[in-house]
C-alpha atoms as a PDB file:
ATOM      1  CA  MET A   1     -31.693  -3.319 -29.151  1.00  0.00           C
ATOM      2  CA  ASP A   2     -28.048  -4.142 -29.851  1.00  0.00           C
ATOM      3  CA  LYS A   3     -26.642  -2.908 -33.120  1.00  0.00           C
ATOM      4  CA  GLN A   4     -26.013  -5.340 -35.948  1.00  0.00           C
ATOM      5  CA  PHE A   5     -22.341  -5.978 -36.612  1.00  0.00           C
ATOM      6  CA  SER A   6     -22.575  -4.363 -40.046  1.00  0.00           C
ATOM      7  CA  ASP A   7     -24.044  -1.198 -38.501  1.00  0.00           C
ATOM      8  CA  LEU A   8     -21.027  -0.646 -36.273  1.00  0.00           C
ATOM      9  CA  PRO A   9     -18.192   1.752 -37.154  1.00  0.00           C
ATOM     10  CA  GLU A  10     -15.281   0.022 -38.876  1.00  0.00           C
ATOM     11  CA  SER A  11     -12.982   0.566 -35.891  1.00  0.00           C
ATOM     12  CA  ARG A  12     -15.457  -1.233 -33.577  1.00  0.00           C
ATOM     13  CA  GLN A  13     -15.832  -4.065 -36.090  1.00  0.00           C
ATOM     14  CA  GLN A  14     -12.048  -4.493 -36.097  1.00  0.00           C
ATOM     15  CA  GLN A  15     -11.963  -4.533 -32.291  1.00  0.00           C
ATOM     16  CA  LEU A  16     -14.634  -7.223 -32.109  1.00  0.00           C
ATOM     17  CA  MET A  17     -12.912  -9.270 -34.786  1.00  0.00           C
ATOM     18  CA  ALA A  18      -9.597  -9.069 -32.897  1.00  0.00           C
ATOM     19  CA  PHE A  19     -11.308 -10.206 -29.691  1.00  0.00           C
ATOM     20  CA  ASP A  20     -12.992 -13.070 -31.548  1.00  0.00           C
ATOM     21  CA  ARG A  21      -9.584 -14.041 -32.932  1.00  0.00           C
ATOM     22  CA  LEU A  22      -8.187 -14.237 -29.397  1.00  0.00           C
ATOM     23  CA  LEU A  23     -11.110 -16.397 -28.242  1.00  0.00           C
ATOM     24  CA  THR A  24     -10.574 -18.726 -31.220  1.00  0.00           C
ATOM     25  CA  ILE A  25      -6.867 -19.061 -30.487  1.00  0.00           C
ATOM     26  CA  MET A  26      -7.628 -19.738 -26.830  1.00  0.00           C
ATOM     27  CA  ASP A  27     -10.033 -22.534 -27.816  1.00  0.00           C
ATOM     28  CA  GLU A  28      -7.375 -24.069 -30.070  1.00  0.00           C
ATOM     29  CA  LEU A  29      -4.607 -23.867 -27.494  1.00  0.00           C
ATOM     30  CA  ARG A  30      -6.793 -25.347 -24.767  1.00  0.00           C
ATOM     31  CA  GLU A  31      -7.554 -28.281 -27.044  1.00  0.00           C
ATOM     32  CA  LYS A  32      -4.187 -28.902 -28.690  1.00  0.00           C
ATOM     33  CA  CYS A  33      -1.353 -27.525 -26.527  1.00  0.00           C
ATOM     34  CA  PRO A  34      -0.182 -29.795 -23.649  1.00  0.00           C
ATOM     35  CA  TRP A  35       0.859 -26.834 -21.494  1.00  0.00           C
ATOM     36  CA  ASP A  36      -2.330 -24.814 -22.031  1.00  0.00           C
ATOM     37  CA  ARG A  37      -4.491 -27.890 -21.543  1.00  0.00           C
ATOM     38  CA  LYS A  38      -2.851 -28.580 -18.168  1.00  0.00           C
ATOM     39  CA  GLN A  39      -3.419 -25.132 -16.651  1.00  0.00           C
ATOM     40  CA  THR A  40      -5.903 -24.408 -13.866  1.00  0.00           C
ATOM     41  CA  MET A  41      -6.998 -21.192 -12.187  1.00  0.00           C
ATOM     42  CA  GLU A  42      -4.630 -22.017  -9.348  1.00  0.00           C
ATOM     43  CA  SER A  43      -1.640 -22.601 -11.625  1.00  0.00           C
ATOM     44  CA  LEU A  44      -2.266 -19.333 -13.498  1.00  0.00           C
ATOM     45  CA  ARG A  45      -2.677 -17.226 -10.361  1.00  0.00           C
ATOM     46  CA  HIS A  46       1.002 -16.451  -9.692  1.00  0.00           C
ATOM     47  CA  LEU A  47       1.587 -15.772 -13.375  1.00  0.00           C
ATOM     48  CA  THR A  48      -1.263 -13.258 -13.392  1.00  0.00           C
ATOM     49  CA  ILE A  49       0.248 -11.465 -10.402  1.00  0.00           C
ATOM     50  CA  GLU A  50       3.586 -11.320 -12.212  1.00  0.00           C
ATOM     51  CA  GLU A  51       1.954  -9.911 -15.355  1.00  0.00           C
ATOM     52  CA  THR A  52       0.183  -7.257 -13.279  1.00  0.00           C
ATOM     53  CA  TYR A  53       3.459  -6.074 -11.786  1.00  0.00           C
ATOM     54  CA  GLU A  54       5.087  -6.050 -15.224  1.00  0.00           C
ATOM     55  CA  LEU A  55       2.260  -3.804 -16.451  1.00  0.00           C
ATOM     56  CA  SER A  56       2.794  -1.564 -13.439  1.00  0.00           C
ATOM     57  CA  ASP A  57       6.517  -1.294 -14.238  1.00  0.00           C
ATOM     58  CA  SER A  58       5.869  -0.370 -17.859  1.00  0.00           C
ATOM     59  CA  ILE A  59       3.387   2.342 -16.805  1.00  0.00           C
ATOM     60  CA  ILE A  60       5.857   3.866 -14.342  1.00  0.00           C
ATOM     61  CA  GLU A  61       8.566   3.816 -17.030  1.00  0.00           C
ATOM     62  CA  ASN A  62       6.087   5.364 -19.496  1.00  0.00           C
ATOM     63  CA  ASP A  63       7.022   2.628 -21.969  1.00  0.00           C
ATOM     64  CA  ILE A  64       3.884   2.683 -24.114  1.00  0.00           C
ATOM     65  CA  PRO A  65       4.829  -0.220 -26.435  1.00  0.00           C
ATOM     66  CA  GLU A  66       5.474  -2.321 -23.336  1.00  0.00           C
ATOM     67  CA  VAL A  67       2.153  -1.192 -21.802  1.00  0.00           C
ATOM     68  CA  LYS A  68       0.394  -2.469 -24.933  1.00  0.00           C
ATOM     69  CA  LYS A  69       2.224  -5.793 -24.686  1.00  0.00           C
ATOM     70  CA  GLU A  70       1.489  -6.273 -20.986  1.00  0.00           C
ATOM     71  CA  LEU A  71      -2.183  -5.383 -21.472  1.00  0.00           C
ATOM     72  CA  GLY A  72      -2.316  -8.157 -24.063  1.00  0.00           C
ATOM     73  CA  ASP A  73      -0.785 -10.599 -21.588  1.00  0.00           C
ATOM     74  CA  LEU A  74      -3.350  -9.668 -18.950  1.00  0.00           C
ATOM     75  CA  LEU A  75      -6.215  -9.925 -21.422  1.00  0.00           C
ATOM     76  CA  LEU A  76      -5.012 -13.404 -22.336  1.00  0.00           C
ATOM     77  CA  HIS A  77      -5.189 -14.384 -18.666  1.00  0.00           C
ATOM     78  CA  ILE A  78      -8.746 -13.076 -18.362  1.00  0.00           C
ATOM     79  CA  VAL A  79      -9.815 -15.072 -21.411  1.00  0.00           C
ATOM     80  CA  PHE A  80      -7.902 -18.100 -20.080  1.00  0.00           C
ATOM     81  CA  TYR A  81      -9.714 -18.035 -16.710  1.00  0.00           C
ATOM     82  CA  ALA A  82     -13.074 -17.706 -18.420  1.00  0.00           C
ATOM     83  CA  LYS A  83     -12.245 -20.601 -20.759  1.00  0.00           C
ATOM     84  CA  ILE A  84     -11.314 -22.834 -17.809  1.00  0.00           C
ATOM     85  CA  ALA A  85     -14.513 -21.845 -15.978  1.00  0.00           C
ATOM     86  CA  SER A  86     -16.634 -22.613 -19.046  1.00  0.00           C
ATOM     87  CA  GLU A  87     -15.374 -26.198 -18.889  1.00  0.00           C
ATOM     88  CA  GLN A  88     -16.495 -26.644 -15.282  1.00  0.00           C
ATOM     89  CA  LYS A  89     -20.012 -28.062 -15.201  1.00  0.00           C
ATOM     90  CA  GLU A  90     -22.252 -27.409 -12.237  1.00  0.00           C
ATOM     91  CA  ASP A  91     -25.671 -29.082 -12.270  1.00  0.00           C
ATOM     92  CA  ASN A  92     -25.252 -29.688 -16.017  1.00  0.00           C
ATOM     93  CA  ALA A  93     -24.645 -25.994 -16.648  1.00  0.00           C
ATOM     94  CA  TYR A  94     -21.384 -24.263 -17.407  1.00  0.00           C
ATOM     95  CA  HIS A  95     -20.039 -22.347 -14.439  1.00  0.00           C
ATOM     96  CA  PHE A  96     -19.459 -19.185 -16.491  1.00  0.00           C
ATOM     97  CA  ASP A  97     -17.831 -18.070 -19.723  1.00  0.00           C
ATOM     98  CA  ILE A  98     -16.385 -14.861 -21.152  1.00  0.00           C
ATOM     99  CA  LYS A  99     -19.885 -13.654 -22.093  1.00  0.00           C
ATOM    100  CA  ASP A 100     -20.918 -13.808 -18.432  1.00  0.00           C
ATOM    101  CA  VAL A 101     -17.752 -11.961 -17.417  1.00  0.00           C
ATOM    102  CA  LEU A 102     -18.395  -9.178 -19.916  1.00  0.00           C
ATOM    103  CA  ASN A 103     -22.098  -8.863 -19.138  1.00  0.00           C
ATOM    104  CA  GLY A 104     -21.318  -8.887 -15.440  1.00  0.00           C
ATOM    105  CA  ILE A 105     -18.939  -5.939 -15.638  1.00  0.00           C
ATOM    106  CA  CYS A 106     -21.330  -4.087 -17.962  1.00  0.00           C
ATOM    107  CA  GLU A 107     -24.198  -4.457 -15.471  1.00  0.00           C
ATOM    108  CA  LYS A 108     -21.905  -3.397 -12.643  1.00  0.00           C
ATOM    109  CA  LEU A 109     -20.769  -0.275 -14.489  1.00  0.00           C
ATOM    110  CA  ILE A 110     -24.357   0.687 -15.274  1.00  0.00           C
ATOM    111  CA  SER A 111     -25.537   0.176 -11.684  1.00  0.00           C
ATOM    112  CA  ARG A 112     -22.525   2.052 -10.275  1.00  0.00           C
ATOM    113  CA  HIS A 113     -23.148   5.066 -12.515  1.00  0.00           C
ATOM    114  CA  PRO A 114     -26.742   6.117 -11.776  1.00  0.00           C
ATOM    115  CA  HIS A 115     -25.717   9.700 -12.611  1.00  0.00           C
ATOM    116  CA  ILE A 116     -25.211   8.494 -16.203  1.00  0.00           C
ATOM    117  CA  TYR A 117     -27.788   5.694 -16.541  1.00  0.00           C
ATOM    118  CA  GLY A 118     -30.311   6.902 -13.971  1.00  0.00           C
ATOM    119  CA  ASP A 119     -31.583  10.068 -12.336  1.00  0.00           C
ATOM    120  CA  ALA A 120     -28.914  10.486  -9.649  1.00  0.00           C
ATOM    121  CA  VAL A 121     -26.752  13.624  -9.593  1.00  0.00           C
ATOM    122  CA  ALA A 122     -22.951  13.601  -9.256  1.00  0.00           C
ATOM    123  CA  ASP A 123     -21.161  16.651 -10.610  1.00  0.00           C
ATOM    124  CA  SER A 124     -17.714  15.944  -9.152  1.00  0.00           C
ATOM    125  CA  GLU A 125     -15.280  13.065  -8.771  1.00  0.00           C
ATOM    126  CA  GLU A 126     -15.812  13.114  -5.009  1.00  0.00           C
ATOM    127  CA  ALA A 127     -19.583  12.824  -5.391  1.00  0.00           C
ATOM    128  CA  VAL A 128     -19.131   9.851  -7.729  1.00  0.00           C
ATOM    129  CA  LYS A 129     -16.920   8.070  -5.177  1.00  0.00           C
ATOM    130  CA  GLN A 130     -19.426   8.695  -2.379  1.00  0.00           C
ATOM    131  CA  ASN A 131     -22.215   7.275  -4.548  1.00  0.00           C
ATOM    132  CA  TRP A 132     -20.108   4.184  -5.227  1.00  0.00           C
ATOM    133  CA  GLU A 133     -19.636   3.451  -1.541  1.00  0.00           C
ATOM    134  CA  LYS A 134     -23.340   3.932  -0.796  1.00  0.00           C
ATOM    135  CA  LEU A 135     -24.272   1.594  -3.655  1.00  0.00           C
ATOM    136  CA  LYS A 136     -21.802  -1.055  -2.448  1.00  0.00           C
ATOM    137  CA  LEU A 137     -23.437  -1.035   0.991  1.00  0.00           C
ATOM    138  CA  LYS A 138     -26.860  -1.418  -0.624  1.00  0.00           C
ATOM    139  CA  GLU A 139     -25.509  -4.347  -2.626  1.00  0.00           C
ATOM    140  CA  GLY A 140     -24.732  -6.201   0.573  1.00  0.00           C
ATOM    141  CA  ASN A 141     -21.261  -5.091   1.641  1.00  0.00           C
ATOM    142  CA  LYS A 142     -21.202  -5.084   5.444  1.00  0.00           C
ATOM    143  CA  SER A 143     -18.495  -2.435   5.621  1.00  0.00           C
ATOM    144  CA  VAL A 144     -17.180   0.338   3.408  1.00  0.00           C
ATOM    145  CA  LEU A 145     -13.759  -1.271   3.868  1.00  0.00           C
ATOM    146  CA  SER A 146     -14.818  -4.810   2.983  1.00  0.00           C
ATOM    147  CA  GLY A 147     -13.906  -4.211  -0.648  1.00  0.00           C
ATOM    148  CA  VAL A 148     -10.212  -3.749   0.155  1.00  0.00           C
ATOM    149  CA  PRO A 149      -8.418  -7.026  -0.745  1.00  0.00           C
ATOM    150  CA  ALA A 150      -6.671  -8.547   2.273  1.00  0.00           C
ATOM    151  CA  SER A 151      -3.659  -9.555   0.175  1.00  0.00           C
ATOM    152  CA  LEU A 152      -2.868  -6.071  -1.138  1.00  0.00           C
ATOM    153  CA  PRO A 153       0.651  -4.802  -0.347  1.00  0.00           C
ATOM    154  CA  ALA A 154       0.496  -2.733   2.836  1.00  0.00           C
ATOM    155  CA  LEU A 155       1.263   0.628   1.207  1.00  0.00           C
ATOM    156  CA  VAL A 156      -1.381   0.203  -1.482  1.00  0.00           C
ATOM    157  CA  LYS A 157      -3.830  -1.125   1.096  1.00  0.00           C
ATOM    158  CA  ALA A 158      -3.330   1.944   3.305  1.00  0.00           C
ATOM    159  CA  MET A 159      -4.124   4.193   0.355  1.00  0.00           C
ATOM    160  CA  ARG A 160      -7.257   2.234  -0.598  1.00  0.00           C
ATOM    161  CA  ILE A 161      -8.493   2.146   3.007  1.00  0.00           C
ATOM    162  CA  GLN A 162      -8.176   5.909   3.254  1.00  0.00           C
ATOM    163  CA  GLU A 163      -9.841   6.496  -0.108  1.00  0.00           C
ATOM    164  CA  LYS A 164     -12.805   4.338   0.875  1.00  0.00           C
ATOM    165  CA  ALA A 165     -13.103   6.006   4.273  1.00  0.00           C
ATOM    166  CA  ARG A 166     -13.107   9.374   2.507  1.00  0.00           C
ATOM    167  CA  GLY A 167     -15.885   8.142   0.236  1.00  0.00           C
ATOM    168  CA  ALA A 168     -17.958   7.577   3.384  1.00  0.00           C
ATOM    169  CA  GLY A 169     -17.187  11.104   4.626  1.00  0.00           C
ATOM    170  CA  PHE A 170     -14.557  10.077   7.201  1.00  0.00           C
ATOM    171  CA  ASP A 171     -11.583  12.309   6.400  1.00  0.00           C
ATOM    172  CA  TRP A 172      -9.745  15.483   7.324  1.00  0.00           C
ATOM    173  CA  ASP A 173     -10.943  18.812   5.962  1.00  0.00           C
ATOM    174  CA  GLU A 174      -7.588  20.510   5.374  1.00  0.00           C
ATOM    175  CA  LYS A 175      -4.145  19.178   4.472  1.00  0.00           C
ATOM    176  CA  GLN A 176      -2.610  21.248   7.284  1.00  0.00           C
ATOM    177  CA  GLN A 177      -4.531  19.103   9.766  1.00  0.00           C
ATOM    178  CA  VAL A 178      -3.044  15.999   8.174  1.00  0.00           C
ATOM    179  CA  TRP A 179       0.489  17.418   8.319  1.00  0.00           C
ATOM    180  CA  GLU A 180       0.020  18.180  12.012  1.00  0.00           C
ATOM    181  CA  LYS A 181      -0.927  14.528  12.431  1.00  0.00           C
ATOM    182  CA  VAL A 182       2.277  13.497  10.606  1.00  0.00           C
ATOM    183  CA  GLU A 183       4.335  15.606  12.997  1.00  0.00           C
ATOM    184  CA  GLU A 184       2.447  14.173  15.967  1.00  0.00           C
ATOM    185  CA  GLU A 185       3.120  10.601  14.814  1.00  0.00           C
ATOM    186  CA  LEU A 186       6.787  11.405  14.153  1.00  0.00           C
ATOM    187  CA  LYS A 187       7.164  12.706  17.709  1.00  0.00           C
ATOM    188  CA  GLU A 188       5.461   9.626  19.131  1.00  0.00           C
ATOM    189  CA  PHE A 189       7.805   7.411  17.109  1.00  0.00           C
ATOM    190  CA  ARG A 190      10.890   9.302  18.308  1.00  0.00           C
ATOM    191  CA  ASP A 191       9.683   9.047  21.911  1.00  0.00           C
ATOM    192  CA  HIS A 192      10.371   5.308  21.745  1.00  0.00           C
ATOM    193  CA  PHE A 193      14.101   5.877  21.391  1.00  0.00           C
ATOM    194  CA  ASN A 194      16.683   6.742  24.009  1.00  0.00           C
ATOM    195  CA  ILE A 195      17.910  10.165  22.856  1.00  0.00           C
ATOM    196  CA  GLU A 196      21.485   9.656  24.076  1.00  0.00           C
ATOM    197  CA  SER A 197      22.078   6.118  22.791  1.00  0.00           C
ATOM    198  CA  ASN A 198      19.412   6.138  20.052  1.00  0.00           C
ATOM    199  CA  GLU A 199      18.420   2.642  21.198  1.00  0.00           C
ATOM    200  CA  VAL A 200      14.837   1.442  20.929  1.00  0.00           C
ATOM    201  CA  ILE A 201      13.098   1.459  24.294  1.00  0.00           C
ATOM    202  CA  ASP A 202      10.252  -0.828  23.242  1.00  0.00           C
ATOM    203  CA  GLN A 203      10.608  -2.536  19.858  1.00  0.00           C
ATOM    204  CA  LYS A 204       6.946  -3.561  19.522  1.00  0.00           C
ATOM    205  CA  GLU A 205       5.658  -0.117  20.469  1.00  0.00           C
ATOM    206  CA  ALA A 206       8.169   1.546  18.142  1.00  0.00           C
ATOM    207  CA  GLU A 207       6.985  -0.659  15.269  1.00  0.00           C
ATOM    208  CA  GLY A 208       3.391   0.337  15.955  1.00  0.00           C
ATOM    209  CA  GLU A 209       4.268   4.030  15.996  1.00  0.00           C
ATOM    210  CA  PHE A 210       6.279   3.663  12.795  1.00  0.00           C
ATOM    211  CA  GLY A 211       3.220   2.106  11.155  1.00  0.00           C
ATOM    212  CA  ASP A 212       1.117   5.044  12.354  1.00  0.00           C
ATOM    213  CA  LEU A 213       3.702   7.447  10.904  1.00  0.00           C
ATOM    214  CA  LEU A 214       3.661   5.727   7.519  1.00  0.00           C
ATOM    215  CA  PHE A 215      -0.143   5.666   7.518  1.00  0.00           C
ATOM    216  CA  SER A 216      -0.269   9.414   8.236  1.00  0.00           C
ATOM    217  CA  LEU A 217       2.251  10.112   5.447  1.00  0.00           C
ATOM    218  CA  VAL A 218       0.097   8.126   3.019  1.00  0.00           C
ATOM    219  CA  ASN A 219      -2.844  10.190   4.215  1.00  0.00           C
ATOM    220  CA  TYR A 220      -0.991  13.431   3.542  1.00  0.00           C
ATOM    221  CA  SER A 221       0.056  12.240   0.084  1.00  0.00           C
ATOM    222  CA  ARG A 222      -3.616  12.108  -0.925  1.00  0.00           C
ATOM    223  CA  PHE A 223      -4.059  15.747  -0.001  1.00  0.00           C
ATOM    224  CA  VAL A 224      -1.170  16.830  -2.233  1.00  0.00           C
ATOM    225  CA  ASP A 225      -2.139  14.514  -5.134  1.00  0.00           C
ATOM    226  CA  ILE A 226       0.840  12.179  -4.802  1.00  0.00           C
ATOM    227  CA  ASN A 227       0.415   8.440  -5.231  1.00  0.00           C
ATOM    228  CA  PRO A 228       2.666   7.021  -2.480  1.00  0.00           C
ATOM    229  CA  GLU A 229       3.146   3.669  -4.218  1.00  0.00           C
ATOM    230  CA  THR A 230       4.263   5.359  -7.444  1.00  0.00           C
ATOM    231  CA  ALA A 231       6.460   7.828  -5.565  1.00  0.00           C
ATOM    232  CA  LEU A 232       8.222   5.085  -3.611  1.00  0.00           C
ATOM    233  CA  GLU A 233       8.694   2.911  -6.697  1.00  0.00           C
ATOM    234  CA  ARG A 234      10.249   5.816  -8.601  1.00  0.00           C
ATOM    235  CA  THR A 235      12.644   6.299  -5.676  1.00  0.00           C
ATOM    236  CA  ASN A 236      13.433   2.565  -5.699  1.00  0.00           C
ATOM    237  CA  LYS A 237      14.279   2.723  -9.390  1.00  0.00           C
ATOM    238  CA  LYS A 238      16.360   5.886  -8.917  1.00  0.00           C
ATOM    239  CA  PHE A 239      18.331   4.227  -6.103  1.00  0.00           C
ATOM    240  CA  ILE A 240      18.974   1.166  -8.284  1.00  0.00           C
ATOM    241  CA  ARG A 241      20.252   3.325 -11.178  1.00  0.00           C
ATOM    242  CA  ARG A 242      22.583   5.318  -8.945  1.00  0.00           C
ATOM    243  CA  PHE A 243      23.870   2.281  -7.074  1.00  0.00           C
ATOM    244  CA  GLN A 244      24.576   0.477 -10.338  1.00  0.00           C
ATOM    245  CA  TYR A 245      26.430   3.596 -11.549  1.00  0.00           C
ATOM    246  CA  LEU A 246      28.480   3.449  -8.338  1.00  0.00           C
ATOM    247  CA  GLU A 247      29.289  -0.212  -9.003  1.00  0.00           C
ATOM    248  CA  GLU A 248      30.261   0.290 -12.633  1.00  0.00           C
ATOM    249  CA  ALA A 249      32.200   3.540 -12.193  1.00  0.00           C
ATOM    250  CA  SER A 250      34.194   2.299  -9.188  1.00  0.00           C
ATOM    251  CA  LYS A 251      34.984  -0.959 -10.998  1.00  0.00           C
ATOM    252  CA  ALA A 252      36.218   1.008 -14.019  1.00  0.00           C
ATOM    253  CA  ASP A 253      38.569   2.831 -11.640  1.00  0.00           C
ATOM    254  CA  GLY A 254      39.890  -0.465 -10.363  1.00  0.00           C
ATOM    255  CA  LYS A 255      38.144  -0.277  -6.999  1.00  0.00           C
ATOM    256  CA  THR A 256      36.136  -2.874  -5.077  1.00  0.00           C
ATOM    257  CA  LEU A 257      33.020  -1.846  -3.134  1.00  0.00           C
ATOM    258  CA  SER A 258      33.833  -4.045  -0.161  1.00  0.00           C
ATOM    259  CA  GLU A 259      37.192  -2.263   0.236  1.00  0.00           C
ATOM    260  CA  MET A 260      35.839   1.281  -0.215  1.00  0.00           C
ATOM    261  CA  SER A 261      34.856   3.652   2.569  1.00  0.00           C
ATOM    262  CA  LEU A 262      31.388   5.176   2.697  1.00  0.00           C
ATOM    263  CA  GLN A 263      32.947   8.547   1.885  1.00  0.00           C
ATOM    264  CA  GLU A 264      34.499   7.127  -1.300  1.00  0.00           C
ATOM    265  CA  MET A 265      31.192   5.561  -2.301  1.00  0.00           C
ATOM    266  CA  ASP A 266      29.436   8.841  -1.638  1.00  0.00           C
ATOM    267  CA  GLU A 267      31.686  10.597  -4.168  1.00  0.00           C
ATOM    268  CA  TYR A 268      30.494   8.240  -6.901  1.00  0.00           C
ATOM    269  CA  TRP A 269      26.919   8.628  -5.678  1.00  0.00           C
ATOM    270  CA  ASN A 270      27.157  12.395  -6.024  1.00  0.00           C
ATOM    271  CA  LYS A 271      28.633  11.996  -9.516  1.00  0.00           C
ATOM    272  CA  ALA A 272      25.609   9.896 -10.420  1.00  0.00           C
ATOM    273  CA  LYS A 273      23.312  12.679  -9.211  1.00  0.00           C
ATOM    274  CA  GLU A 274      25.306  15.319 -11.102  1.00  0.00           C
ATOM    275  CA  THR A 275      25.071  13.338 -14.351  1.00  0.00           C
ATOM    276  CA  GLY A 276      21.312  12.934 -13.928  1.00  0.00           C
ATOM    277  CA  VAL A 277      21.332   9.205 -13.271  1.00  0.00           C
END
């Protein structure tokens, strides 16, 4: 039996009250605000994607106040979608509301954790993941990989594909085997270039081999506990900082990038590295 509100710890009471406050505000905005009243799931979609990336940025930057803010923005979107759905009648019944969303994820969490809520055994993270994939197949998924969203960015998708394949037992045993595969794919990629002129022999084949090389590098990253998406994004941000230093420092010296040689630019780049930019 669920606990009575008054029986809950004060911190949980405050959490529930804050969530109820958000639901109340959402109801008011949907009724009274012209912009909020006009929104649909389709019109919110691109905004939700933007908010997700903003959360990702704040996590990478370890900006905790910003993480809190972006989580609030995402939570608003979840409540907004549920509010819109609750207004859609289907056979005289509401399509779904936030209660259905919450109960749905609760039931899913319980069913996906039989080692906590049942008699299954899983004493490691790997065992838990394998159980998840088996349960998904029992739930009707035709393939272990069917749960990977088609619209995921390619790098993230590669990582998720490999993680799911590993959950089904399809993976290398040792990281050295994976590195050998990286070297094999690198050689195959280089074989599509004319050594003397460095020209591509077959552009389509070279693209395919480059994709294989990237996929193998993502594979290796898992074995050394590196998230390739995070690693690449940190490098992107580092490049931006150093390039902007190059722009600002050269401008302060009265120079113009378009008139500078690569060697001159490289001097500023190295200064950026030396100063820890």
